[in-house]
């Protein structure tokens, strides 16, 4: 029966690749520590080096801009509604002498 391949999440890959990129330990030491093949560590390191420029290339504010603006509009509408309700209740409480 075949052994099932291990799957690593992206945060694990990033952590291993970053450690390899720092160069404090050798790729062999890192591979032994994290129990992965040295070739895989080298591939993750290369991938990190190639894509590192993309992290700072695009402004992160544009990605969720539409959601932010929609939520902001909803919150402003809610503030307006609550302000009207508070004014109404103040007026009625004065009329009732409360």
C-alpha atoms as a PDB file:
ATOM      1  CA  UNK A   1       0.000   0.000   0.000  1.00  0.00           C
ATOM      2  CA  UNK A   2       1.274   3.491  -0.868  1.00  0.00           C
ATOM      3  CA  UNK A   3       2.055   5.969   1.847  1.00  0.00           C
ATOM      4  CA  UNK A   4      -0.088   9.089   1.669  1.00  0.00           C
ATOM      5  CA  UNK A   5       1.759  12.294   0.855  1.00  0.00           C
ATOM      6  CA  UNK A   6       2.076  14.907   3.546  1.00  0.00           C
ATOM      7  CA  UNK A   7       0.479  18.217   2.734  1.00  0.00           C
ATOM      8  CA  UNK A   8       1.810  21.402   4.288  1.00  0.00           C
ATOM      9  CA  UNK A   9      -0.184  24.578   4.687  1.00  0.00           C
ATOM     10  CA  UNK A  10       1.066  27.873   3.337  1.00  0.00           C
ATOM     11  CA  UNK A  11       2.060  29.286   6.726  1.00  0.00           C
ATOM     12  CA  UNK A  12       4.334  26.283   7.369  1.00  0.00           C
ATOM     13  CA  UNK A  13       5.934  26.657   3.943  1.00  0.00           C
ATOM     14  CA  UNK A  14       6.466  30.365   4.512  1.00  0.00           C
ATOM     15  CA  UNK A  15       8.034  29.794   7.915  1.00  0.00           C
ATOM     16  CA  UNK A  16      10.454  27.168   6.545  1.00  0.00           C
ATOM     17  CA  UNK A  17      11.298  29.237   3.449  1.00  0.00           C
ATOM     18  CA  UNK A  18      11.896  32.362   5.522  1.00  0.00           C
ATOM     19  CA  UNK A  19      14.223  30.494   7.830  1.00  0.00           C
ATOM     20  CA  UNK A  20      16.119  29.177   4.794  1.00  0.00           C
ATOM     21  CA  UNK A  21      16.246  32.683   3.335  1.00  0.00           C
ATOM     22  CA  UNK A  22      17.770  34.097   6.511  1.00  0.00           C
ATOM     23  CA  UNK A  23      20.720  31.744   6.083  1.00  0.00           C
ATOM     24  CA  UNK A  24      21.361  31.196   9.776  1.00  0.00           C
ATOM     25  CA  UNK A  25      21.057  27.420   9.357  1.00  0.00           C
ATOM     26  CA  UNK A  26      21.864  25.300   6.345  1.00  0.00           C
ATOM     27  CA  UNK A  27      19.093  23.864   4.218  1.00  0.00           C
ATOM     28  CA  UNK A  28      20.072  20.403   5.480  1.00  0.00           C
ATOM     29  CA  UNK A  29      19.617  21.481   9.112  1.00  0.00           C
ATOM     30  CA  UNK A  30      16.273  23.132   8.383  1.00  0.00           C
ATOM     31  CA  UNK A  31      15.038  20.072   6.475  1.00  0.00           C
ATOM     32  CA  UNK A  32      15.995  17.790   9.338  1.00  0.00           C
ATOM     33  CA  UNK A  33      14.379  20.068  11.916  1.00  0.00           C
ATOM     34  CA  UNK A  34      11.053  20.326  10.053  1.00  0.00           C
ATOM     35  CA  UNK A  35      11.194  16.752   8.699  1.00  0.00           C
ATOM     36  CA  UNK A  36      10.950  17.682   5.018  1.00  0.00           C
ATOM     37  CA  UNK A  37      13.241  16.895   2.105  1.00  0.00           C
ATOM     38  CA  UNK A  38      16.083  19.394   1.517  1.00  0.00           C
ATOM     39  CA  UNK A  39      15.058  19.779  -2.116  1.00  0.00           C
ATOM     40  CA  UNK A  40      11.588  20.856  -0.996  1.00  0.00           C
ATOM     41  CA  UNK A  41      13.077  23.480   1.323  1.00  0.00           C
ATOM     42  CA  UNK A  42      15.171  24.801  -1.563  1.00  0.00           C
ATOM     43  CA  UNK A  43      12.086  24.974  -3.823  1.00  0.00           C
ATOM     44  CA  UNK A  44      10.106  26.877  -1.180  1.00  0.00           C
ATOM     45  CA  UNK A  45      13.033  29.264  -0.669  1.00  0.00           C
ATOM     46  CA  UNK A  46      13.269  29.938  -4.411  1.00  0.00           C
ATOM     47  CA  UNK A  47       9.515  30.481  -4.645  1.00  0.00           C
ATOM     48  CA  UNK A  48       9.665  32.945  -1.760  1.00  0.00           C
ATOM     49  CA  UNK A  49      12.518  34.868  -3.387  1.00  0.00           C
ATOM     50  CA  UNK A  50      10.651  35.087  -6.702  1.00  0.00           C
ATOM     51  CA  UNK A  51       7.374  36.258  -5.198  1.00  0.00           C
ATOM     52  CA  UNK A  52       8.729  38.535  -2.490  1.00  0.00           C
ATOM     53  CA  UNK A  53       8.471  41.593  -4.737  1.00  0.00           C
ATOM     54  CA  UNK A  54       4.751  41.012  -5.208  1.00  0.00           C
ATOM     55  CA  UNK A  55       4.112  41.507  -1.509  1.00  0.00           C
ATOM     56  CA  UNK A  56       5.035  45.177  -1.713  1.00  0.00           C
ATOM     57  CA  UNK A  57       4.111  45.667  -5.365  1.00  0.00           C
ATOM     58  CA  UNK A  58       0.352  46.057  -4.980  1.00  0.00           C
ATOM     59  CA  UNK A  59      -1.276  48.275  -2.395  1.00  0.00           C
ATOM     60  CA  UNK A  60      -3.334  46.150  -0.047  1.00  0.00           C
ATOM     61  CA  UNK A  61      -6.013  48.832   0.329  1.00  0.00           C
ATOM     62  CA  UNK A  62      -7.452  48.097  -3.125  1.00  0.00           C
ATOM     63  CA  UNK A  63      -8.257  44.440  -2.456  1.00  0.00           C
ATOM     64  CA  UNK A  64     -11.072  44.898   0.041  1.00  0.00           C
ATOM     65  CA  UNK A  65     -11.941  48.476  -0.855  1.00  0.00           C
ATOM     66  CA  UNK A  66     -15.463  47.725  -2.072  1.00  0.00           C
ATOM     67  CA  UNK A  67     -16.391  45.852   1.101  1.00  0.00           C
ATOM     68  CA  UNK A  68     -14.983  48.624   3.273  1.00  0.00           C
ATOM     69  CA  UNK A  69     -16.918  51.322   1.441  1.00  0.00           C
ATOM     70  CA  UNK A  70     -20.145  49.314   1.606  1.00  0.00           C
ATOM     71  CA  UNK A  71     -19.744  48.689   5.330  1.00  0.00           C
ATOM     72  CA  UNK A  72     -18.934  52.354   5.882  1.00  0.00           C
ATOM     73  CA  UNK A  73     -22.113  53.424   4.055  1.00  0.00           C
ATOM     74  CA  UNK A  74     -24.208  50.988   6.102  1.00  0.00           C
ATOM     75  CA  UNK A  75     -22.712  52.279   9.355  1.00  0.00           C
ATOM     76  CA  UNK A  76     -23.347  55.909   8.379  1.00  0.00           C
ATOM     77  CA  UNK A  77     -26.973  55.021   7.595  1.00  0.00           C
ATOM     78  CA  UNK A  78     -27.316  53.309  10.973  1.00  0.00           C
ATOM     79  CA  UNK A  79     -25.817  56.335  12.764  1.00  0.00           C
ATOM     80  CA  UNK A  80     -28.312  58.591  11.016  1.00  0.00           C
ATOM     81  CA  UNK A  81     -31.215  56.329  11.958  1.00  0.00           C
ATOM     82  CA  UNK A  82     -30.137  56.196  15.607  1.00  0.00           C
ATOM     83  CA  UNK A  83     -29.699  59.975  15.729  1.00  0.00           C
ATOM     84  CA  UNK A  84     -33.248  60.490  14.477  1.00  0.00           C
ATOM     85  CA  UNK A  85     -34.573  58.004  17.034  1.00  0.00           C
ATOM     86  CA  UNK A  86     -32.715  59.685  19.909  1.00  0.00           C
ATOM     87  CA  UNK A  87     -34.035  63.114  18.866  1.00  0.00           C
ATOM     88  CA  UNK A  88     -37.578  61.740  18.668  1.00  0.00           C
ATOM     89  CA  UNK A  89     -37.323  60.132  22.113  1.00  0.00           C
ATOM     90  CA  UNK A  90     -35.909  63.337  23.635  1.00  0.00           C
ATOM     91  CA  UNK A  91     -38.797  65.333  22.217  1.00  0.00           C
ATOM     92  CA  UNK A  92     -41.406  62.847  23.449  1.00  0.00           C
ATOM     93  CA  UNK A  93     -39.832  62.599  26.918  1.00  0.00           C
ATOM     94  CA  UNK A  94     -39.998  66.412  27.253  1.00  0.00           C
ATOM     95  CA  UNK A  95     -43.655  66.360  26.156  1.00  0.00           C
ATOM     96  CA  UNK A  96     -44.445  63.708  28.757  1.00  0.00           C
ATOM     97  CA  UNK A  97     -42.418  65.483  31.462  1.00  0.00           C
ATOM     98  CA  UNK A  98     -39.956  62.659  31.982  1.00  0.00           C
END
